[in-house]
Each structure stands twice: as structure tokens, then as C-alpha cells.
C-alpha atoms as a PDB file:
ATOM      1  CA  MET A   1     -53.124  18.611 -11.424  1.00  0.00           C
ATOM      2  CA  SER A   2     -50.368  15.984 -11.350  1.00  0.00           C
ATOM      3  CA  ALA A   3     -47.551  16.336  -8.928  1.00  0.00           C
ATOM      4  CA  LYS A   4     -43.930  16.932 -10.406  1.00  0.00           C
ATOM      5  CA  THR A   5     -41.788  13.913  -9.766  1.00  0.00           C
ATOM      6  CA  THR A   6     -38.154  14.570  -9.002  1.00  0.00           C
ATOM      7  CA  ARG A   7     -35.721  11.777  -9.888  1.00  0.00           C
ATOM      8  CA  ARG A   8     -32.362  11.385  -8.127  1.00  0.00           C
ATOM      9  CA  LYS A   9     -29.328  11.511 -10.394  1.00  0.00           C
ATOM     10  CA  LYS A  10     -27.981   7.976 -10.726  1.00  0.00           C
ATOM     11  CA  PRO A  11     -24.304   7.452 -10.190  1.00  0.00           C
ATOM     12  CA  ALA A  12     -22.066   7.064 -13.300  1.00  0.00           C
ATOM     13  CA  VAL A  13     -21.727   3.299 -12.519  1.00  0.00           C
ATOM     14  CA  HIS A  14     -23.951   1.179 -10.419  1.00  0.00           C
ATOM     15  CA  LYS A  15     -22.180  -0.045  -7.215  1.00  0.00           C
ATOM     16  CA  ARG A  16     -22.273  -3.678  -8.446  1.00  0.00           C
ATOM     17  CA  ASP A  17     -20.360  -2.766 -11.613  1.00  0.00           C
ATOM     18  CA  HIS A  18     -17.112  -1.617 -10.042  1.00  0.00           C
ATOM     19  CA  PRO A  19     -14.586  -2.939  -7.633  1.00  0.00           C
ATOM     20  CA  PHE A  20     -15.208  -0.172  -4.895  1.00  0.00           C
ATOM     21  CA  LYS A  21     -16.754  -0.130  -1.540  1.00  0.00           C
ATOM     22  CA  ILE A  22     -18.770   2.979  -0.801  1.00  0.00           C
ATOM     23  CA  PHE A  23     -18.678   3.926   2.992  1.00  0.00           C
ATOM     24  CA  ARG A  24     -21.321   5.543   4.820  1.00  0.00           C
ATOM     25  CA  LEU A  25     -21.188   9.276   4.485  1.00  0.00           C
ATOM     26  CA  PRO A  26     -20.185  11.078   7.850  1.00  0.00           C
ATOM     27  CA  PRO A  27     -22.914  13.231   9.298  1.00  0.00           C
ATOM     28  CA  GLU A  28     -22.823  16.922   8.921  1.00  0.00           C
ATOM     29  CA  GLY A  29     -20.252  18.488  11.278  1.00  0.00           C
ATOM     30  CA  PHE A  30     -18.240  15.318  11.513  1.00  0.00           C
ATOM     31  CA  ASP A  31     -14.899  15.771  13.147  1.00  0.00           C
ATOM     32  CA  ALA A  32     -12.425  13.053  12.505  1.00  0.00           C
ATOM     33  CA  ARG A  33     -10.171  14.326  15.482  1.00  0.00           C
ATOM     34  CA  LYS A  34     -13.021  13.594  17.922  1.00  0.00           C
ATOM     35  CA  ALA A  35     -14.231  10.237  16.202  1.00  0.00           C
ATOM     36  CA  SER A  36     -13.715   6.867  17.651  1.00  0.00           C
ATOM     37  CA  ALA A  37     -11.727   4.133  15.866  1.00  0.00           C
ATOM     38  CA  ARG A  38     -15.090   2.385  15.071  1.00  0.00           C
ATOM     39  CA  GLU A  39     -16.446   5.707  13.606  1.00  0.00           C
ATOM     40  CA  LEU A  40     -13.436   6.256  11.426  1.00  0.00           C
ATOM     41  CA  LEU A  41     -13.681   2.669  10.123  1.00  0.00           C
ATOM     42  CA  LEU A  42     -17.333   2.977   9.446  1.00  0.00           C
ATOM     43  CA  HIS A  43     -16.901   6.160   7.314  1.00  0.00           C
ATOM     44  CA  GLY A  44     -13.691   5.060   5.666  1.00  0.00           C
ATOM     45  CA  VAL A  45     -11.489   7.675   7.115  1.00  0.00           C
ATOM     46  CA  PRO A  46      -7.897   6.612   7.687  1.00  0.00           C
ATOM     47  CA  LYS A  47      -7.194   6.260  11.382  1.00  0.00           C
ATOM     48  CA  ARG A  48      -4.863   9.011  12.986  1.00  0.00           C
ATOM     49  CA  PRO A  49      -1.222   8.109  12.527  1.00  0.00           C
ATOM     50  CA  ASN A  50       1.081   7.725  15.420  1.00  0.00           C
ATOM     51  CA  ALA A  51       2.788  11.050  16.069  1.00  0.00           C
ATOM     52  CA  GLU A  52       5.924   9.354  17.294  1.00  0.00           C
ATOM     53  CA  THR A  53       6.593   6.933  14.527  1.00  0.00           C
ATOM     54  CA  HIS A  54       5.122   8.918  11.690  1.00  0.00           C
ATOM     55  CA  PRO A  55       5.146  12.589  12.586  1.00  0.00           C
ATOM     56  CA  LYS A  56       4.788  13.958   9.042  1.00  0.00           C
ATOM     57  CA  LEU A  57       1.973  11.734   8.144  1.00  0.00           C
ATOM     58  CA  GLN A  58       0.222  12.625  11.420  1.00  0.00           C
ATOM     59  CA  LEU A  59       0.671  16.264  10.623  1.00  0.00           C
ATOM     60  CA  LEU A  60      -0.942  15.885   7.182  1.00  0.00           C
ATOM     61  CA  TRP A  61      -3.762  13.891   8.694  1.00  0.00           C
ATOM     62  CA  ASP A  62      -4.364  16.620  11.273  1.00  0.00           C
ATOM     63  CA  GLN A  63      -4.220  19.345   8.612  1.00  0.00           C
ATOM     64  CA  ILE A  64      -7.092  17.710   6.684  1.00  0.00           C
ATOM     65  CA  ALA A  65      -9.104  16.663   9.704  1.00  0.00           C
ATOM     66  CA  GLN A  66      -9.160  20.216  11.083  1.00  0.00           C
ATOM     67  CA  ARG A  67     -10.559  21.398   7.784  1.00  0.00           C
ATOM     68  CA  ARG A  68     -13.576  19.096   8.251  1.00  0.00           C
ATOM     69  CA  PRO A  69     -14.160  18.700   4.543  1.00  0.00           C
ATOM     70  CA  ARG A  70     -17.716  17.996   3.141  1.00  0.00           C
ATOM     71  CA  PHE A  71     -17.775  14.336   2.130  1.00  0.00           C
ATOM     72  CA  ILE A  72     -19.312  13.408  -1.197  1.00  0.00           C
ATOM     73  CA  GLU A  73     -20.452   9.962  -2.164  1.00  0.00           C
ATOM     74  CA  PRO A  74     -18.126   8.817  -4.947  1.00  0.00           C
ATOM     75  CA  ALA A  75     -19.292   8.001  -8.364  1.00  0.00           C
ATOM     76  CA  PHE A  76     -17.099   6.139 -10.791  1.00  0.00           C
ATOM     77  CA  LEU A  77     -16.691   6.194 -14.617  1.00  0.00           C
ATOM     78  CA  PRO A  78     -14.388   3.729 -16.352  1.00  0.00           C
ATOM     79  CA  ALA A  79     -11.363   5.412 -17.777  1.00  0.00           C
ATOM     80  CA  GLU A  80      -9.427   4.830 -20.959  1.00  0.00           C
ATOM     81  CA  LYS A  81      -6.291   3.066 -20.164  1.00  0.00           C
ATOM     82  CA  PHE A  82      -3.693   5.765 -20.487  1.00  0.00           C
ATOM     83  CA  HIS A  83      -0.582   3.743 -19.583  1.00  0.00           C
ATOM     84  CA  ARG A  84       1.782   3.210 -22.435  1.00  0.00           C
ATOM     85  CA  SER A  85       3.021   0.171 -20.759  1.00  0.00           C
ATOM     86  CA  LYS A  86       3.728  -1.658 -17.506  1.00  0.00           C
ATOM     87  CA  LEU A  87       6.892  -0.776 -15.716  1.00  0.00           C
ATOM     88  CA  ARG A  88       8.881  -3.032 -17.976  1.00  0.00           C
ATOM     89  CA  ASP A  89      11.831  -0.596 -17.778  1.00  0.00           C
ATOM     90  CA  HIS A  90      11.737  -0.528 -14.034  1.00  0.00           C
ATOM     91  CA  ARG A  91      14.419  -2.776 -12.696  1.00  0.00           C
ATOM     92  CA  SER A  92      16.257  -2.984  -9.371  1.00  0.00           C
ATOM     93  CA  LEU A  93      18.478  -0.105  -8.526  1.00  0.00           C
ATOM     94  CA  PHE A  94      21.439  -2.386  -8.609  1.00  0.00           C
ATOM     95  CA  ASP A  95      20.666  -3.443 -12.165  1.00  0.00           C
ATOM     96  CA  ILE A  96      20.645   0.024 -13.638  1.00  0.00           C
ATOM     97  CA  THR A  97      23.347   1.755 -11.619  1.00  0.00           C
ATOM     98  CA  PRO A  98      25.444   3.411 -14.542  1.00  0.00           C
ATOM     99  CA  VAL A  99      28.792   3.037 -12.739  1.00  0.00           C
ATOM    100  CA  LYS A 100      31.337   0.193 -13.058  1.00  0.00           C
ATOM    101  CA  LEU A 101      32.255  -0.705  -9.524  1.00  0.00           C
ATOM    102  CA  HIS A 102      35.154  -2.721  -7.922  1.00  0.00           C
ATOM    103  CA  PRO A 103      33.995  -6.365  -7.392  1.00  0.00           C
ATOM    104  CA  TYR A 104      34.133  -5.891  -3.623  1.00  0.00           C
ATOM    105  CA  LEU A 105      31.973  -2.665  -3.714  1.00  0.00           C
ATOM    106  CA  ASP A 106      29.755  -4.187  -6.354  1.00  0.00           C
ATOM    107  CA  SER A 107      28.935  -7.114  -3.950  1.00  0.00           C
ATOM    108  CA  TRP A 108      28.613  -4.725  -0.913  1.00  0.00           C
ATOM    109  CA  LEU A 109      26.169  -2.540  -2.899  1.00  0.00           C
ATOM    110  CA  LYS A 110      24.055  -5.468  -3.831  1.00  0.00           C
ATOM    111  CA  ARG A 111      23.756  -6.620  -0.329  1.00  0.00           C
ATOM    112  CA  PHE A 112      22.942  -3.087   0.786  1.00  0.00           C
ATOM    113  CA  ILE A 113      20.142  -2.694  -1.646  1.00  0.00           C
ATOM    114  CA  ASP A 114      18.793  -6.192  -0.914  1.00  0.00           C
ATOM    115  CA  SER A 115      18.518  -5.177   2.702  1.00  0.00           C
ATOM    116  CA  GLY A 116      15.723  -2.708   1.705  1.00  0.00           C
ATOM    117  CA  ILE A 117      17.592   0.568   2.380  1.00  0.00           C
ATOM    118  CA  SER A 118      16.817   3.230  -0.339  1.00  0.00           C
ATOM    119  CA  LEU A 119      19.701   4.799  -2.143  1.00  0.00           C
ATOM    120  CA  TRP A 120      19.714   7.953  -4.237  1.00  0.00           C
ATOM    121  CA  LEU A 121      20.695   6.324  -7.496  1.00  0.00           C
ATOM    122  CA  PRO A 122      19.393   7.280 -10.959  1.00  0.00           C
ATOM    123  CA  GLU A 123      16.606   5.283 -12.534  1.00  0.00           C
ATOM    124  CA  THR A 124      14.924   5.922 -15.859  1.00  0.00           C
ATOM    125  CA  SER A 125      11.422   5.441 -17.239  1.00  0.00           C
ATOM    126  CA  THR A 126       9.829   6.421 -20.480  1.00  0.00           C
ATOM    127  CA  ASN A 127       6.721   7.786 -18.869  1.00  0.00           C
ATOM    128  CA  TRP A 128       7.340   8.178 -15.091  1.00  0.00           C
ATOM    129  CA  CYS A 129       9.060  10.869 -13.018  1.00  0.00           C
ATOM    130  CA  GLY A 130       9.298  11.488  -9.383  1.00  0.00           C
ATOM    131  CA  ALA A 131      10.451   9.262  -6.514  1.00  0.00           C
ATOM    132  CA  TYR A 132       9.630   6.055  -4.661  1.00  0.00           C
ATOM    133  CA  VAL A 133      10.750   4.659  -1.353  1.00  0.00           C
ATOM    134  CA  ASN A 134      11.951   1.088  -0.908  1.00  0.00           C
ATOM    135  CA  LYS A 135      10.594  -0.737   2.159  1.00  0.00           C
ATOM    136  CA  PRO A 136      12.960  -2.431   4.595  1.00  0.00           C
ATOM    137  CA  ALA A 137      13.009  -6.162   4.052  1.00  0.00           C
ATOM    138  CA  THR A 138      11.312  -6.887   7.451  1.00  0.00           C
ATOM    139  CA  GLU A 139       8.502  -4.302   7.089  1.00  0.00           C
ATOM    140  CA  THR A 140       5.451  -3.639   4.981  1.00  0.00           C
ATOM    141  CA  LEU A 141       4.373  -0.344   3.802  1.00  0.00           C
ATOM    142  CA  ARG A 142       0.719   0.251   4.534  1.00  0.00           C
ATOM    143  CA  VAL A 143      -0.019   3.918   3.823  1.00  0.00           C
ATOM    144  CA  VAL A 144       1.313   6.598   1.584  1.00  0.00           C
ATOM    145  CA  ALA A 145       0.077  10.291   1.421  1.00  0.00           C
ATOM    146  CA  GLY A 146       0.797  13.362  -0.687  1.00  0.00           C
ATOM    147  CA  GLN A 147      -0.233  16.834  -1.334  1.00  0.00           C
ATOM    148  CA  TRP A 148       0.150  18.819  -4.661  1.00  0.00           C
ATOM    149  CA  THR A 149      -1.155  21.475  -6.902  1.00  0.00           C
ATOM    150  CA  VAL A 150      -3.213  20.322  -9.923  1.00  0.00           C
ATOM    151  CA  PRO A 151      -1.114  21.253 -12.951  1.00  0.00           C
ATOM    152  CA  SER A 152      -2.424  23.176 -15.914  1.00  0.00           C
ATOM    153  CA  VAL A 153      -1.512  21.360 -19.151  1.00  0.00           C
ATOM    154  CA  SER A 154      -0.618  22.256 -22.724  1.00  0.00           C
ATOM    155  CA  PRO A 155       0.892  20.102 -25.584  1.00  0.00           C
ATOM    156  CA  PRO A 156       4.558  19.202 -25.028  1.00  0.00           C
ATOM    157  CA  PRO A 157       7.261  20.946 -27.265  1.00  0.00           C
ATOM    158  CA  SER A 158       7.730  17.583 -29.011  1.00  0.00           C
ATOM    159  CA  ALA A 159       4.213  17.874 -30.332  1.00  0.00           C
ATOM    160  CA  TRP A 160       5.033  21.042 -32.262  1.00  0.00           C
ATOM    161  CA  ASP A 161       6.191  20.453 -35.820  1.00  0.00           C
ATOM    162  CA  GLY A 162       6.943  24.182 -36.554  1.00  0.00           C
ATOM    163  CA  THR A 163       3.560  25.088 -37.836  1.00  0.00           C
ATOM    164  CA  LYS A 164       1.008  23.161 -35.742  1.00  0.00           C
ATOM    165  CA  TYR A 165       0.651  20.588 -32.989  1.00  0.00           C
ATOM    166  CA  THR A 166       0.375  16.969 -33.715  1.00  0.00           C
ATOM    167  CA  ASP A 167      -3.030  15.591 -33.151  1.00  0.00           C
ATOM    168  CA  GLY A 168      -3.688  13.410 -30.132  1.00  0.00           C
ATOM    169  CA  GLN A 169      -4.270  13.390 -26.370  1.00  0.00           C
ATOM    170  CA  TYR A 170      -1.469  14.455 -23.962  1.00  0.00           C
ATOM    171  CA  ILE A 171      -1.759  13.508 -20.413  1.00  0.00           C
ATOM    172  CA  CYS A 172      -0.144  14.289 -17.142  1.00  0.00           C
ATOM    173  CA  ALA A 173      -1.073  11.944 -14.192  1.00  0.00           C
ATOM    174  CA  VAL A 174      -0.066  12.905 -10.618  1.00  0.00           C
ATOM    175  CA  TRP A 175      -0.484  10.234  -7.972  1.00  0.00           C
ATOM    176  CA  VAL A 176       0.592   8.462  -4.796  1.00  0.00           C
ATOM    177  CA  GLY A 177       0.559   4.670  -4.551  1.00  0.00           C
ATOM    178  CA  LEU A 178       1.611   1.501  -2.946  1.00  0.00           C
ATOM    179  CA  ASP A 179       3.853  -1.019  -4.699  1.00  0.00           C
ATOM    180  CA  GLY A 180       4.340  -1.054  -8.611  1.00  0.00           C
ATOM    181  CA  THR A 181       8.113  -0.779  -8.874  1.00  0.00           C
ATOM    182  CA  LYS A 182      10.630  -3.226 -10.230  1.00  0.00           C
ATOM    183  CA  GLY A 183       8.402  -4.846 -12.896  1.00  0.00           C
ATOM    184  CA  THR A 184       5.507  -5.810 -10.511  1.00  0.00           C
ATOM    185  CA  ASN A 185       1.985  -5.582 -11.652  1.00  0.00           C
ATOM    186  CA  ASP A 186       0.215  -4.630  -8.338  1.00  0.00           C
ATOM    187  CA  VAL A 187       0.263  -0.952  -7.790  1.00  0.00           C
ATOM    188  CA  LEU A 188      -2.594   0.618  -5.828  1.00  0.00           C
ATOM    189  CA  GLN A 189      -2.788   4.382  -6.752  1.00  0.00           C
ATOM    190  CA  ALA A 190      -4.938   7.520  -6.737  1.00  0.00           C
ATOM    191  CA  GLY A 191      -4.245  10.990  -8.003  1.00  0.00           C
ATOM    192  CA  THR A 192      -5.219  13.686 -10.536  1.00  0.00           C
ATOM    193  CA  LEU A 193      -5.432  13.583 -14.327  1.00  0.00           C
ATOM    194  CA  SER A 194      -4.731  16.499 -16.572  1.00  0.00           C
ATOM    195  CA  GLN A 195      -5.359  16.064 -20.217  1.00  0.00           C
ATOM    196  CA  VAL A 196      -5.188  18.224 -23.337  1.00  0.00           C
ATOM    197  CA  THR A 197      -6.674  17.276 -26.717  1.00  0.00           C
ATOM    198  CA  VAL A 198      -5.330  18.446 -30.019  1.00  0.00           C
ATOM    199  CA  SER A 199      -7.309  18.123 -33.257  1.00  0.00           C
ATOM    200  CA  GLY A 200      -6.553  19.713 -36.614  1.00  0.00           C
ATOM    201  CA  GLY A 201      -3.417  20.986 -35.229  1.00  0.00           C
ATOM    202  CA  LEU A 202      -5.259  23.060 -32.557  1.00  0.00           C
ATOM    203  CA  VAL A 203      -5.823  22.642 -28.871  1.00  0.00           C
ATOM    204  CA  THR A 204      -9.601  21.750 -28.677  1.00  0.00           C
ATOM    205  CA  GLY A 205     -10.019  21.105 -25.055  1.00  0.00           C
ATOM    206  CA  THR A 206      -8.640  20.311 -21.589  1.00  0.00           C
ATOM    207  CA  THR A 207      -9.979  18.145 -18.893  1.00  0.00           C
ATOM    208  CA  TYR A 208      -9.076  17.654 -15.145  1.00  0.00           C
ATOM    209  CA  SER A 209     -10.239  14.843 -12.996  1.00  0.00           C
ATOM    210  CA  VAL A 210      -9.558  12.620  -9.997  1.00  0.00           C
ATOM    211  CA  TRP A 211      -8.695   9.061 -10.909  1.00  0.00           C
ATOM    212  CA  THR A 212      -7.782   5.835  -9.071  1.00  0.00           C
ATOM    213  CA  GLU A 213      -6.921   2.227  -9.954  1.00  0.00           C
ATOM    214  CA  TRP A 214      -5.480  -1.063  -8.749  1.00  0.00           C
ATOM    215  CA  PHE A 215      -3.247  -1.322 -11.785  1.00  0.00           C
ATOM    216  CA  GLY A 216      -4.929  -2.437 -15.017  1.00  0.00           C
ATOM    217  CA  LEU A 217      -8.443  -0.993 -14.209  1.00  0.00           C
ATOM    218  CA  PRO A 218      -8.318   2.833 -14.149  1.00  0.00           C
ATOM    219  CA  TRP A 219     -11.506   4.734 -13.070  1.00  0.00           C
ATOM    220  CA  ILE A 220     -12.336   8.398 -13.011  1.00  0.00           C
ATOM    221  CA  VAL A 221     -13.883   9.477  -9.647  1.00  0.00           C
ATOM    222  CA  GLN A 222     -16.572  11.538 -11.396  1.00  0.00           C
ATOM    223  CA  SER A 223     -18.233  13.087  -8.237  1.00  0.00           C
ATOM    224  CA  LEU A 224     -15.238  15.117  -7.146  1.00  0.00           C
ATOM    225  CA  GLY A 225     -14.238  17.969  -9.398  1.00  0.00           C
ATOM    226  CA  VAL A 226     -10.655  19.574  -9.651  1.00  0.00           C
ATOM    227  CA  SER A 227      -9.426  22.567 -11.614  1.00  0.00           C
ATOM    228  CA  PRO A 228      -5.926  23.754 -12.519  1.00  0.00           C
ATOM    229  CA  GLY A 229      -4.300  25.386  -9.397  1.00  0.00           C
ATOM    230  CA  ASP A 230      -6.461  23.535  -6.890  1.00  0.00           C
ATOM    231  CA  GLN A 231      -4.533  22.189  -3.941  1.00  0.00           C
ATOM    232  CA  VAL A 232      -5.283  18.532  -3.366  1.00  0.00           C
ATOM    233  CA  SER A 233      -4.400  15.752  -0.890  1.00  0.00           C
ATOM    234  CA  CYS A 234      -4.567  12.059  -1.217  1.00  0.00           C
ATOM    235  CA  THR A 235      -4.081   9.163   1.117  1.00  0.00           C
ATOM    236  CA  VAL A 236      -3.851   5.512  -0.027  1.00  0.00           C
ATOM    237  CA  CYS A 237      -3.890   2.745   2.554  1.00  0.00           C
ATOM    238  CA  SER A 238      -3.827  -1.062   2.565  1.00  0.00           C
ATOM    239  CA  PRO A 239      -4.225  -1.500   6.306  1.00  0.00           C
ATOM    240  CA  PHE A 240      -5.350  -5.061   6.870  1.00  0.00           C
ATOM    241  CA  GLU A 241      -4.716  -7.323   3.749  1.00  0.00           C
ATOM    242  CA  ASN A 242      -2.853  -7.198   0.449  1.00  0.00           C
ATOM    243  CA  THR A 243      -5.925  -7.579  -1.700  1.00  0.00           C
ATOM    244  CA  HIS A 244      -7.986  -4.615  -0.347  1.00  0.00           C
ATOM    245  CA  GLY A 245      -7.278  -0.932   0.109  1.00  0.00           C
ATOM    246  CA  THR A 246      -8.835   2.421   0.760  1.00  0.00           C
ATOM    247  CA  ALA A 247      -8.288   5.908  -0.556  1.00  0.00           C
ATOM    248  CA  MET A 248      -9.266   9.345   0.739  1.00  0.00           C
ATOM    249  CA  PHE A 249      -8.952  12.214  -1.710  1.00  0.00           C
ATOM    250  CA  THR A 250      -9.553  15.856  -0.654  1.00  0.00           C
ATOM    251  CA  ASN A 251      -9.781  18.987  -2.748  1.00  0.00           C
ATOM    252  CA  LEU A 252      -8.527  21.407  -0.245  1.00  0.00           C
ATOM    253  CA  THR A 253      -9.396  24.432  -2.386  1.00  0.00           C
ATOM    254  CA  THR A 254     -13.058  23.430  -2.314  1.00  0.00           C
ATOM    255  CA  ASN A 255     -12.901  21.591   0.921  1.00  0.00           C
ATOM    256  CA  GLU A 256     -14.643  18.594  -0.559  1.00  0.00           C
ATOM    257  CA  SER A 257     -13.554  14.959  -0.025  1.00  0.00           C
ATOM    258  CA  VAL A 258     -14.314  11.427  -1.223  1.00  0.00           C
ATOM    259  CA  ASN A 259     -13.240   8.138   0.411  1.00  0.00           C
ATOM    260  CA  TYR A 260     -13.769   4.650  -0.782  1.00  0.00           C
ATOM    261  CA  GLY A 261     -12.518   1.064  -0.575  1.00  0.00           C
ATOM    262  CA  ILE A 262     -11.158  -0.875  -3.517  1.00  0.00           C
ATOM    263  CA  ASP A 263     -10.564  -4.559  -4.190  1.00  0.00           C
ATOM    264  CA  ALA A 264      -7.582  -5.909  -6.166  1.00  0.00           C
ATOM    265  CA  PRO A 265      -8.257  -7.426  -9.553  1.00  0.00           C
ATOM    266  CA  ALA A 266      -8.275 -11.213  -9.639  1.00  0.00           C
ATOM    267  CA  GLY A 267      -4.799 -12.690  -9.270  1.00  0.00           C
ATOM    268  CA  THR A 268      -3.294  -9.430  -8.045  1.00  0.00           C
ATOM    269  CA  THR A 269      -1.889  -8.647  -4.660  1.00  0.00           C
ATOM    270  CA  LEU A 270       0.374  -6.061  -2.969  1.00  0.00           C
ATOM    271  CA  SER A 271       3.815  -7.409  -2.160  1.00  0.00           C
END
């Protein structure tokens, strides 16, 4: 009688075919709070932020670390490019301020913005919403983190013609990232993707996934699942150089996490 052979499931894309670095999975029971700097680096876990200089980031790091999530080896699947366009409509805050100012104030405002200090002024985009932070001119932003609830999606009101929905795919991407404003082509980002498909005037399906990219090359992180209502957390870092970054994505509801490194596309660098 022949023995039954069990084959391991292959990742969606072989490691040589994507721009990601797969870190060694932490051992069972791994506690990032007790790990050395070398162990954190080995497993691709962001180092603990300084509580004095970054108290909110340190608090978020501790909240995730104390949960001791189960780490999963990431598997990646190329995603359709869901960007309508680059940030062609993203100009400097000064350029789009919808107020006519006295020449003196106009000059002062421009100097103030050029200094790198953020202002609460309106900015518009055809497909973005949310907020971004301008870095001070003398500093470099190296890490960004966020936590949110995966939204449930349905076709937008504009897709309803009075009797049925317009066929197509409608997408909501929630993410955090470094760079990418003011017309640059260098955003490093990761988040969740909620998508609803309409065919024949009816909703035929919804999908929810984790995605990541260094702008222009989006990928689905296929090995980590998310569902509407899940609480998730994401940290994106570029700690050492402007052409390499890391990301750690945790589904707080299922207590599962993936982390990976990512290289910039040729000719791209964070500014």
C-alpha cells in the first residue's frame, strides 16, 4: 500500500517574483516587549518607539505587542491597479488656498508653509479623503501608524439610476503611508481594500482584503484575511534608507499579523 503524500500549499507568488522580503517567523509565544533589538530586526517587528518623543506611537506599539498576535507568513497576489490617477490634483497648500490674501500675508503664509509646519487649510482630490501631515523641513518622517475598522461597502448613490445600479466595481481603500503628496510618485502604503461588484444592475459580490504597495505596483496580502467590522492596525516604516521599507499589519479581531519588507520600484525613492 502506497503512503499518501501531502503537499504544502505554495504561496500565491514565489518569493523571487515580488519586491518583498519575508522575515523569519517569530517562535510561538514571542513577546516583542521582551525581545532584543536584534530579535525585533530579525523578525521584522518595528522597534519600540520612544515614549518621550512619540508617546501615542509607543502606546499603539504596546497595545499590539501585549496581544502577542500569531504571525503568519505573508503570501502576495498582484492586484489590479485601482488608482484612477496619480495625485495630479495634489498641489501645495499654498497653491490651493481659496482665499485672496493681502500681499504681506500672502508672502508670510508662503514662508510659513515652506518651513514645513502643517496648516488646517482645505485641499481637494477626486478620489482621496482624510488627512496628511507635513514634515518639518529639517526632519524626515520614518514611521506612520493607524488603527481602524474595516468598512462594509455598497454601491454609492451616484451608481443608482433610479431603477438599477450601474455595472462596475466600486472600491474603498483605507490606508496609512509615507510620502505621496504634492504630485510626488513615491508613496509607500498599506491598508485594507473593500470592493463591491455590480453586474446586470445587481450587486453580485463583495471582497475584503489587505493590500500594500510602493506606488504603482499594488499587491494583495493574500495570507491575512479581513472582514467587515474587523479592527485592524497597520504600521509602515522606512527606518534606514529611502528605497526600502517595512510594514506590519495586524487584524486585532482575529489576533493575526503579517510583516514584511518592501523595496522601491526602480527610480523611486521617498523624499
